[in-house]
Amino acid sequence: MPRAFGVAAGLDPEVARRLAARCAELGYESMWSNDHPGAKGLGTLAEFAAAAPGVELGVGVIALDRTPPEQIAADVEEFGVDPGKLWLGVGAGFSKKPLTKMREALPELREALPEVKLVLAAMGPKMCALAGSSYDGVFFNWMTPGFAAGAREKVEAGAAEAARETPPVFGYVRTAVGPDAPERLAKEESFYRDLHKGYRDHFDRLGEPEGTVGIAAPDSTAAQDALAAYGALDTIVVRGLASAKVEAMSAVAEAAAPTS
């Protein structure tokens, strides 16, 4: 199963470059960044590309209520990201009607970004079906292995109804390794649990105890065992939970690296 490595946008350029080079050595097929009001994910991807030109790039995800398609296209050009290597994750953000927003946005995205592979952020069943029927990929977030398997079935059903092949399924798996791993995972999860209604509904559907959605592993062996359970994903995007330094991030990347 291919693996990718993901970080928060705004990583120091020197850290981003050295991390990307190390991940390429470890066999990761792509490098991903999220996107948030304080930093553009595409800027972080540009640093990855400079150090590891052979890997593909992904941003997961840009909220369309904050950044419209024409601005995304301008950012792709400004940062010099190769559109042919880009998996562009998009989501509804705080939109009042998220499903409608993402259905209606697709033609605009296709027009503004004709060379880019468009990946829909999906958690609920209707969004998963839309991803399967219309987008080039689907991006899961904050899922247990079992929930991801059920969500994939919705993607496959959407693709079947549209008489097309199931698009590739990506997904962040938050991964912390070491003695403080449980605390790091719990801190990251607590931020998202009440971020907006979509996330609140999602965590309610999961029904999992706080601080348990993702991987908090004492060592590499435990991390690899936990990652292996995510068979519903075509590509696991290991979202490293570590301090934003080369050594700390590289240690997570090494512990969770793809195995032959």
C-alpha atoms as a PDB file:
ATOM      1  CA  MET A   1       0.000   0.000   0.000  1.00  0.00           C
ATOM      2  CA  PRO A   2       1.476   3.392  -0.967  1.00  0.00           C
ATOM      3  CA  ARG A   3       2.122   5.858   1.817  1.00  0.00           C
ATOM      4  CA  ALA A   4       2.398   9.609   1.950  1.00  0.00           C
ATOM      5  CA  PHE A   5       3.550  11.972   4.659  1.00  0.00           C
ATOM      6  CA  GLY A   6       1.605  15.033   5.764  1.00  0.00           C
ATOM      7  CA  VAL A   7       2.288  18.131   7.848  1.00  0.00           C
ATOM      8  CA  ALA A   8       0.607  21.354   8.890  1.00  0.00           C
ATOM      9  CA  ALA A   9       1.023  24.257   6.474  1.00  0.00           C
ATOM     10  CA  GLY A  10       3.600  26.891   7.311  1.00  0.00           C
ATOM     11  CA  LEU A  11       6.437  24.522   8.166  1.00  0.00           C
ATOM     12  CA  ASP A  12       9.775  26.328   8.145  1.00  0.00           C
ATOM     13  CA  PRO A  13      11.129  26.102   4.561  1.00  0.00           C
ATOM     14  CA  GLU A  14      14.423  24.517   5.631  1.00  0.00           C
ATOM     15  CA  VAL A  15      12.577  21.922   7.727  1.00  0.00           C
ATOM     16  CA  ALA A  16      10.143  21.245   4.886  1.00  0.00           C
ATOM     17  CA  ARG A  17      12.933  20.667   2.380  1.00  0.00           C
ATOM     18  CA  ARG A  18      14.987  18.375   4.569  1.00  0.00           C
ATOM     19  CA  LEU A  19      11.901  16.420   5.601  1.00  0.00           C
ATOM     20  CA  ALA A  20      10.784  15.953   1.996  1.00  0.00           C
ATOM     21  CA  ALA A  21      14.221  14.709   0.979  1.00  0.00           C
ATOM     22  CA  ARG A  22      14.203  12.202   3.833  1.00  0.00           C
ATOM     23  CA  CYS A  23      10.683  11.007   3.031  1.00  0.00           C
ATOM     24  CA  ALA A  24      11.675  10.465  -0.594  1.00  0.00           C
ATOM     25  CA  GLU A  25      14.592   8.308   0.605  1.00  0.00           C
ATOM     26  CA  LEU A  26      12.188   6.322   2.795  1.00  0.00           C
ATOM     27  CA  GLY A  27       9.890   5.534  -0.124  1.00  0.00           C
ATOM     28  CA  TYR A  28       6.939   7.828   0.487  1.00  0.00           C
ATOM     29  CA  GLU A  29       5.158   8.448  -2.825  1.00  0.00           C
ATOM     30  CA  SER A  30       3.747  11.872  -2.031  1.00  0.00           C
ATOM     31  CA  MET A  31       4.017  14.760   0.421  1.00  0.00           C
ATOM     32  CA  TRP A  32       0.937  16.523   1.764  1.00  0.00           C
ATOM     33  CA  SER A  33       0.154  19.696   3.647  1.00  0.00           C
ATOM     34  CA  ASN A  34      -3.064  20.961   5.111  1.00  0.00           C
ATOM     35  CA  ASP A  35      -4.223  24.546   4.518  1.00  0.00           C
ATOM     36  CA  HIS A  36      -5.371  27.010   7.151  1.00  0.00           C
ATOM     37  CA  PRO A  37      -5.954  30.768   7.574  1.00  0.00           C
ATOM     38  CA  GLY A  38      -2.430  31.308   8.852  1.00  0.00           C
ATOM     39  CA  ALA A  39      -0.553  29.561   6.021  1.00  0.00           C
ATOM     40  CA  LYS A  40      -1.195  28.300   2.510  1.00  0.00           C
ATOM     41  CA  GLY A  41      -0.632  24.609   1.972  1.00  0.00           C
ATOM     42  CA  LEU A  42       0.516  25.219  -1.597  1.00  0.00           C
ATOM     43  CA  GLY A  43       3.432  27.250  -0.259  1.00  0.00           C
ATOM     44  CA  THR A  44       4.592  24.304   1.821  1.00  0.00           C
ATOM     45  CA  LEU A  45       4.203  21.992  -1.192  1.00  0.00           C
ATOM     46  CA  ALA A  46       6.508  24.271  -3.194  1.00  0.00           C
ATOM     47  CA  GLU A  47       9.243  23.672  -0.604  1.00  0.00           C
ATOM     48  CA  PHE A  48       8.655  19.917  -0.768  1.00  0.00           C
ATOM     49  CA  ALA A  49       8.924  19.993  -4.562  1.00  0.00           C
ATOM     50  CA  ALA A  50      12.206  21.913  -4.468  1.00  0.00           C
ATOM     51  CA  ALA A  51      13.868  19.203  -2.374  1.00  0.00           C
ATOM     52  CA  ALA A  52      12.113  16.102  -3.706  1.00  0.00           C
ATOM     53  CA  PRO A  53      11.082  16.742  -7.323  1.00  0.00           C
ATOM     54  CA  GLY A  54      10.202  13.087  -7.897  1.00  0.00           C
ATOM     55  CA  VAL A  55       7.352  12.879  -5.393  1.00  0.00           C
ATOM     56  CA  GLU A  56       3.755  13.840  -6.036  1.00  0.00           C
ATOM     57  CA  LEU A  57       2.147  16.606  -4.009  1.00  0.00           C
ATOM     58  CA  GLY A  58      -1.139  16.919  -2.187  1.00  0.00           C
ATOM     59  CA  VAL A  59      -2.942  19.584  -0.226  1.00  0.00           C
ATOM     60  CA  GLY A  60      -5.611  18.370   2.148  1.00  0.00           C
ATOM     61  CA  VAL A  61      -7.676  20.381   2.203  1.00  0.00           C
ATOM     62  CA  ILE A  62      -8.443  23.906   0.979  1.00  0.00           C
ATOM     63  CA  ALA A  63     -11.801  25.176   2.239  1.00  0.00           C
ATOM     64  CA  LEU A  64     -13.781  26.742  -0.592  1.00  0.00           C
ATOM     65  CA  ASP A  65     -15.690  29.076   1.714  1.00  0.00           C
ATOM     66  CA  ARG A  66     -12.334  30.749   2.356  1.00  0.00           C
ATOM     67  CA  THR A  67     -10.507  30.336  -0.961  1.00  0.00           C
ATOM     68  CA  PRO A  68     -12.485  30.288  -4.240  1.00  0.00           C
ATOM     69  CA  PRO A  69     -11.318  28.317  -7.291  1.00  0.00           C
ATOM     70  CA  GLU A  70      -9.871  31.320  -9.116  1.00  0.00           C
ATOM     71  CA  GLN A  71      -7.705  32.187  -6.093  1.00  0.00           C
ATOM     72  CA  ILE A  72      -6.516  28.590  -5.807  1.00  0.00           C
ATOM     73  CA  ALA A  73      -5.483  28.689  -9.468  1.00  0.00           C
ATOM     74  CA  ALA A  74      -3.613  31.932  -8.868  1.00  0.00           C
ATOM     75  CA  ASP A  75      -1.844  30.405  -5.871  1.00  0.00           C
ATOM     76  CA  VAL A  76      -0.809  27.310  -7.840  1.00  0.00           C
ATOM     77  CA  GLU A  77       0.808  29.617 -10.398  1.00  0.00           C
ATOM     78  CA  GLU A  78       2.358  31.949  -7.813  1.00  0.00           C
ATOM     79  CA  PHE A  79       4.017  29.129  -5.869  1.00  0.00           C
ATOM     80  CA  GLY A  80       5.109  27.337  -9.040  1.00  0.00           C
ATOM     81  CA  VAL A  81       3.501  24.022  -8.128  1.00  0.00           C
ATOM     82  CA  ASP A  82       3.393  21.618 -11.081  1.00  0.00           C
ATOM     83  CA  PRO A  83      -0.350  21.031 -11.661  1.00  0.00           C
ATOM     84  CA  GLY A  84       0.370  17.665 -13.217  1.00  0.00           C
ATOM     85  CA  LYS A  85       1.782  16.393  -9.898  1.00  0.00           C
ATOM     86  CA  LEU A  86      -0.879  17.963  -7.702  1.00  0.00           C
ATOM     87  CA  TRP A  87      -3.690  16.256  -5.835  1.00  0.00           C
ATOM     88  CA  LEU A  88      -5.833  19.193  -4.761  1.00  0.00           C
ATOM     89  CA  GLY A  89      -8.040  18.421  -1.788  1.00  0.00           C
ATOM     90  CA  VAL A  90     -11.032  20.714  -1.391  1.00  0.00           C
ATOM     91  CA  GLY A  91     -13.745  20.919   1.233  1.00  0.00           C
ATOM     92  CA  ALA A  92     -16.818  22.941   2.161  1.00  0.00           C
ATOM     93  CA  GLY A  93     -15.358  24.503   5.303  1.00  0.00           C
ATOM     94  CA  PHE A  94     -18.053  26.383   7.214  1.00  0.00           C
ATOM     95  CA  SER A  95     -20.555  26.440   4.320  1.00  0.00           C
ATOM     96  CA  LYS A  96     -24.181  26.166   5.466  1.00  0.00           C
ATOM     97  CA  LYS A  97     -25.013  23.651   2.727  1.00  0.00           C
ATOM     98  CA  PRO A  98     -21.768  21.702   2.279  1.00  0.00           C
ATOM     99  CA  LEU A  99     -23.046  19.042  -0.120  1.00  0.00           C
ATOM    100  CA  THR A 100     -24.592  21.639  -2.421  1.00  0.00           C
ATOM    101  CA  LYS A 101     -21.439  23.751  -2.188  1.00  0.00           C
ATOM    102  CA  MET A 102     -19.172  20.937  -3.322  1.00  0.00           C
ATOM    103  CA  ARG A 103     -21.493  19.734  -6.064  1.00  0.00           C
ATOM    104  CA  GLU A 104     -21.856  23.212  -7.543  1.00  0.00           C
ATOM    105  CA  ALA A 105     -18.163  24.054  -7.161  1.00  0.00           C
ATOM    106  CA  LEU A 106     -16.909  21.180  -9.293  1.00  0.00           C
ATOM    107  CA  PRO A 107     -17.461  22.795 -12.722  1.00  0.00           C
ATOM    108  CA  GLU A 108     -15.743  25.977 -11.511  1.00  0.00           C
ATOM    109  CA  LEU A 109     -12.808  23.966 -10.211  1.00  0.00           C
ATOM    110  CA  ARG A 110     -12.509  22.045 -13.482  1.00  0.00           C
ATOM    111  CA  GLU A 111     -12.477  25.296 -15.459  1.00  0.00           C
ATOM    112  CA  ALA A 112      -9.974  27.071 -13.204  1.00  0.00           C
ATOM    113  CA  LEU A 113      -7.687  24.061 -12.678  1.00  0.00           C
ATOM    114  CA  PRO A 114      -7.927  21.818 -15.762  1.00  0.00           C
ATOM    115  CA  GLU A 115      -4.653  19.917 -15.161  1.00  0.00           C
ATOM    116  CA  VAL A 116      -5.110  19.316 -11.434  1.00  0.00           C
ATOM    117  CA  LYS A 117      -6.524  16.145  -9.887  1.00  0.00           C
ATOM    118  CA  LEU A 118      -9.441  17.209  -7.653  1.00  0.00           C
ATOM    119  CA  VAL A 119      -9.928  15.375  -4.372  1.00  0.00           C
ATOM    120  CA  LEU A 120     -13.059  15.838  -2.288  1.00  0.00           C
ATOM    121  CA  ALA A 121     -12.871  15.882   1.506  1.00  0.00           C
ATOM    122  CA  ALA A 122     -15.617  13.507   2.606  1.00  0.00           C
ATOM    123  CA  MET A 123     -16.788  12.128   5.930  1.00  0.00           C
ATOM    124  CA  GLY A 124     -20.556  11.667   5.711  1.00  0.00           C
ATOM    125  CA  PRO A 125     -22.274   9.151   3.392  1.00  0.00           C
ATOM    126  CA  LYS A 126     -23.663  11.683   0.913  1.00  0.00           C
ATOM    127  CA  MET A 127     -20.319  13.448   0.490  1.00  0.00           C
ATOM    128  CA  CYS A 128     -18.604  10.086   0.027  1.00  0.00           C
ATOM    129  CA  ALA A 129     -21.084   9.180  -2.707  1.00  0.00           C
ATOM    130  CA  LEU A 130     -20.506  12.533  -4.429  1.00  0.00           C
ATOM    131  CA  ALA A 131     -16.749  11.963  -4.346  1.00  0.00           C
ATOM    132  CA  GLY A 132     -17.195   8.550  -5.881  1.00  0.00           C
ATOM    133  CA  SER A 133     -19.463   9.790  -8.640  1.00  0.00           C
ATOM    134  CA  SER A 134     -17.718  12.989  -9.673  1.00  0.00           C
ATOM    135  CA  TYR A 135     -14.262  13.768  -8.261  1.00  0.00           C
ATOM    136  CA  ASP A 136     -10.784  12.441  -9.128  1.00  0.00           C
ATOM    137  CA  GLY A 137     -10.180  11.259  -5.583  1.00  0.00           C
ATOM    138  CA  VAL A 138     -11.592  11.290  -2.077  1.00  0.00           C
ATOM    139  CA  PHE A 139      -9.931  12.342   1.161  1.00  0.00           C
ATOM    140  CA  PHE A 140     -10.897  10.877   4.538  1.00  0.00           C
ATOM    141  CA  ASN A 141     -10.060  12.484   7.855  1.00  0.00           C
ATOM    142  CA  TRP A 142     -10.355  11.393  11.483  1.00  0.00           C
ATOM    143  CA  MET A 143     -11.542   7.850  10.843  1.00  0.00           C
ATOM    144  CA  THR A 144     -11.002   4.523  12.523  1.00  0.00           C
ATOM    145  CA  PRO A 145     -10.133   1.594  10.233  1.00  0.00           C
ATOM    146  CA  GLY A 146     -13.677   0.243  10.489  1.00  0.00           C
ATOM    147  CA  PHE A 147     -15.320   3.564   9.783  1.00  0.00           C
ATOM    148  CA  ALA A 148     -13.005   4.116   6.804  1.00  0.00           C
ATOM    149  CA  ALA A 149     -14.082   0.753   5.391  1.00  0.00           C
ATOM    150  CA  GLY A 150     -17.747   1.754   5.626  1.00  0.00           C
ATOM    151  CA  ALA A 151     -17.048   5.160   4.093  1.00  0.00           C
ATOM    152  CA  ARG A 152     -15.195   3.523   1.216  1.00  0.00           C
ATOM    153  CA  GLU A 153     -18.292   1.446   0.479  1.00  0.00           C
ATOM    154  CA  LYS A 154     -20.253   4.702   0.038  1.00  0.00           C
ATOM    155  CA  VAL A 155     -17.582   5.995  -2.352  1.00  0.00           C
ATOM    156  CA  GLU A 156     -17.744   2.759  -4.336  1.00  0.00           C
ATOM    157  CA  ALA A 157     -21.540   2.925  -4.486  1.00  0.00           C
ATOM    158  CA  GLY A 158     -21.396   6.478  -5.803  1.00  0.00           C
ATOM    159  CA  ALA A 159     -18.908   5.450  -8.466  1.00  0.00           C
ATOM    160  CA  ALA A 160     -21.010   2.445  -9.470  1.00  0.00           C
ATOM    161  CA  GLU A 161     -24.120   4.568  -9.809  1.00  0.00           C
ATOM    162  CA  ALA A 162     -22.206   6.922 -12.098  1.00  0.00           C
ATOM    163  CA  ALA A 163     -20.818   3.943 -14.062  1.00  0.00           C
ATOM    164  CA  ARG A 164     -17.196   4.867 -13.399  1.00  0.00           C
ATOM    165  CA  GLU A 165     -14.221   3.351 -11.620  1.00  0.00           C
ATOM    166  CA  THR A 166     -13.821   4.101  -7.949  1.00  0.00           C
ATOM    167  CA  PRO A 167     -11.425   7.046  -7.575  1.00  0.00           C
ATOM    168  CA  PRO A 168      -8.386   6.645  -5.306  1.00  0.00           C
ATOM    169  CA  VAL A 169      -9.069   6.997  -1.600  1.00  0.00           C
ATOM    170  CA  PHE A 170      -6.589   8.968   0.499  1.00  0.00           C
ATOM    171  CA  GLY A 171      -6.803   9.636   4.204  1.00  0.00           C
ATOM    172  CA  TYR A 172      -4.966  11.308   7.029  1.00  0.00           C
ATOM    173  CA  VAL A 173      -3.986   8.958   9.832  1.00  0.00           C
ATOM    174  CA  ARG A 174      -2.712  11.090  12.694  1.00  0.00           C
ATOM    175  CA  THR A 175       0.388   9.345  13.979  1.00  0.00           C
ATOM    176  CA  ALA A 176       2.412  10.054  17.099  1.00  0.00           C
ATOM    177  CA  VAL A 177       5.310   7.865  18.201  1.00  0.00           C
ATOM    178  CA  GLY A 178       7.130   7.829  21.515  1.00  0.00           C
ATOM    179  CA  PRO A 179       6.433   8.186  25.230  1.00  0.00           C
ATOM    180  CA  ASP A 180       4.324  11.345  24.783  1.00  0.00           C
ATOM    181  CA  ALA A 181       2.322   9.944  21.846  1.00  0.00           C
ATOM    182  CA  PRO A 182      -1.060   9.715  23.656  1.00  0.00           C
ATOM    183  CA  GLU A 183      -0.843  13.345  24.768  1.00  0.00           C
ATOM    184  CA  ARG A 184       0.015  14.549  21.265  1.00  0.00           C
ATOM    185  CA  LEU A 185      -2.879  12.658  19.687  1.00  0.00           C
ATOM    186  CA  ALA A 186      -5.344  13.835  22.341  1.00  0.00           C
ATOM    187  CA  LYS A 187      -4.298  17.469  21.901  1.00  0.00           C
ATOM    188  CA  GLU A 188      -4.693  17.328  18.118  1.00  0.00           C
ATOM    189  CA  GLU A 189      -8.042  15.556  18.300  1.00  0.00           C
ATOM    190  CA  SER A 190      -9.532  17.904  20.898  1.00  0.00           C
ATOM    191  CA  PHE A 191      -9.128  20.851  18.524  1.00  0.00           C
ATOM    192  CA  TYR A 192     -11.141  19.192  15.762  1.00  0.00           C
ATOM    193  CA  ARG A 193     -13.919  17.598  17.815  1.00  0.00           C
ATOM    194  CA  ASP A 194     -15.739  20.908  18.229  1.00  0.00           C
ATOM    195  CA  LEU A 195     -14.419  22.860  15.246  1.00  0.00           C
ATOM    196  CA  HIS A 196     -17.792  23.048  13.472  1.00  0.00           C
ATOM    197  CA  LYS A 197     -21.031  21.107  13.044  1.00  0.00           C
ATOM    198  CA  GLY A 198     -19.612  18.802  10.391  1.00  0.00           C
ATOM    199  CA  TYR A 199     -16.861  17.612  12.712  1.00  0.00           C
ATOM    200  CA  ARG A 200     -19.201  17.381  15.708  1.00  0.00           C
ATOM    201  CA  ASP A 201     -21.569  15.196  13.716  1.00  0.00           C
ATOM    202  CA  HIS A 202     -18.696  13.090  12.451  1.00  0.00           C
ATOM    203  CA  PHE A 203     -17.241  12.376  15.884  1.00  0.00           C
ATOM    204  CA  ASP A 204     -20.742  11.594  17.145  1.00  0.00           C
ATOM    205  CA  ARG A 205     -21.065   9.004  14.367  1.00  0.00           C
ATOM    206  CA  LEU A 206     -17.682   7.544  15.267  1.00  0.00           C
ATOM    207  CA  GLY A 207     -18.671   7.139  18.893  1.00  0.00           C
ATOM    208  CA  GLU A 208     -15.057   6.715  19.973  1.00  0.00           C
ATOM    209  CA  PRO A 209     -13.550   7.925  23.270  1.00  0.00           C
ATOM    210  CA  GLU A 210     -11.647  11.198  23.100  1.00  0.00           C
ATOM    211  CA  GLY A 211      -8.002  10.875  22.188  1.00  0.00           C
ATOM    212  CA  THR A 212      -8.316   7.504  20.453  1.00  0.00           C
ATOM    213  CA  VAL A 213      -8.927   8.321  16.754  1.00  0.00           C
ATOM    214  CA  GLY A 214      -5.542   7.914  15.152  1.00  0.00           C
ATOM    215  CA  ILE A 215      -2.346   6.236  16.260  1.00  0.00           C
ATOM    216  CA  ALA A 216      -0.425   6.817  19.475  1.00  0.00           C
ATOM    217  CA  ALA A 217       2.365   4.258  19.377  1.00  0.00           C
ATOM    218  CA  PRO A 218       5.300   3.673  21.717  1.00  0.00           C
ATOM    219  CA  ASP A 219       7.565   2.566  18.880  1.00  0.00           C
ATOM    220  CA  SER A 220       7.818   1.791  15.173  1.00  0.00           C
ATOM    221  CA  THR A 221       6.573  -1.793  15.493  1.00  0.00           C
ATOM    222  CA  ALA A 222       3.349  -0.667  17.138  1.00  0.00           C
ATOM    223  CA  ALA A 223       2.932   2.155  14.622  1.00  0.00           C
ATOM    224  CA  GLN A 224       3.332  -0.205  11.671  1.00  0.00           C
ATOM    225  CA  ASP A 225       0.829  -2.682  13.135  1.00  0.00           C
ATOM    226  CA  ALA A 226      -1.741   0.082  13.628  1.00  0.00           C
ATOM    227  CA  LEU A 227      -1.240   1.549  10.158  1.00  0.00           C
ATOM    228  CA  ALA A 228      -1.687  -1.881   8.566  1.00  0.00           C
ATOM    229  CA  ALA A 229      -5.301  -1.886   9.752  1.00  0.00           C
ATOM    230  CA  TYR A 230      -6.192   0.952   7.359  1.00  0.00           C
ATOM    231  CA  GLY A 231      -6.700  -1.309   4.375  1.00  0.00           C
ATOM    232  CA  ALA A 232      -9.660   0.740   3.139  1.00  0.00           C
ATOM    233  CA  LEU A 233      -7.295   3.522   2.075  1.00  0.00           C
ATOM    234  CA  ASP A 234      -5.478   3.327  -1.238  1.00  0.00           C
ATOM    235  CA  THR A 235      -2.901   5.730   0.179  1.00  0.00           C
ATOM    236  CA  ILE A 236      -2.333   6.305   3.877  1.00  0.00           C
ATOM    237  CA  VAL A 237      -1.245   9.881   4.488  1.00  0.00           C
ATOM    238  CA  VAL A 238       0.721   9.660   7.729  1.00  0.00           C
ATOM    239  CA  ARG A 239       0.012  12.974   9.456  1.00  0.00           C
ATOM    240  CA  GLY A 240       3.019  13.365  11.708  1.00  0.00           C
ATOM    241  CA  LEU A 241       2.293  14.643  15.198  1.00  0.00           C
ATOM    242  CA  ALA A 242       5.627  15.965  16.382  1.00  0.00           C
ATOM    243  CA  SER A 243       7.369  19.250  17.020  1.00  0.00           C
ATOM    244  CA  ALA A 244       8.033  21.178  13.815  1.00  0.00           C
ATOM    245  CA  LYS A 245      11.718  20.263  13.684  1.00  0.00           C
ATOM    246  CA  VAL A 246      13.574  18.079  11.223  1.00  0.00           C
ATOM    247  CA  GLU A 247      14.666  15.490  13.758  1.00  0.00           C
ATOM    248  CA  ALA A 248      11.240  15.060  15.372  1.00  0.00           C
ATOM    249  CA  MET A 249       9.290  14.927  12.120  1.00  0.00           C
ATOM    250  CA  SER A 250      11.837  12.630  10.499  1.00  0.00           C
ATOM    251  CA  ALA A 251      11.595  10.251  13.452  1.00  0.00           C
ATOM    252  CA  VAL A 252       7.847   9.852  12.873  1.00  0.00           C
ATOM    253  CA  ALA A 253       8.404   9.465   9.125  1.00  0.00           C
ATOM    254  CA  GLU A 254      10.983   6.742   9.762  1.00  0.00           C
ATOM    255  CA  ALA A 255       8.764   4.897  12.240  1.00  0.00           C
ATOM    256  CA  ALA A 256       5.806   4.906   9.849  1.00  0.00           C
ATOM    257  CA  ALA A 257       7.694   4.458   6.575  1.00  0.00           C
ATOM    258  CA  PRO A 258       6.326   2.159   3.874  1.00  0.00           C
ATOM    259  CA  THR A 259       7.519  -1.402   4.145  1.00  0.00           C
ATOM    260  CA  SER A 260       8.270  -3.806   1.317  1.00  0.00           C
END
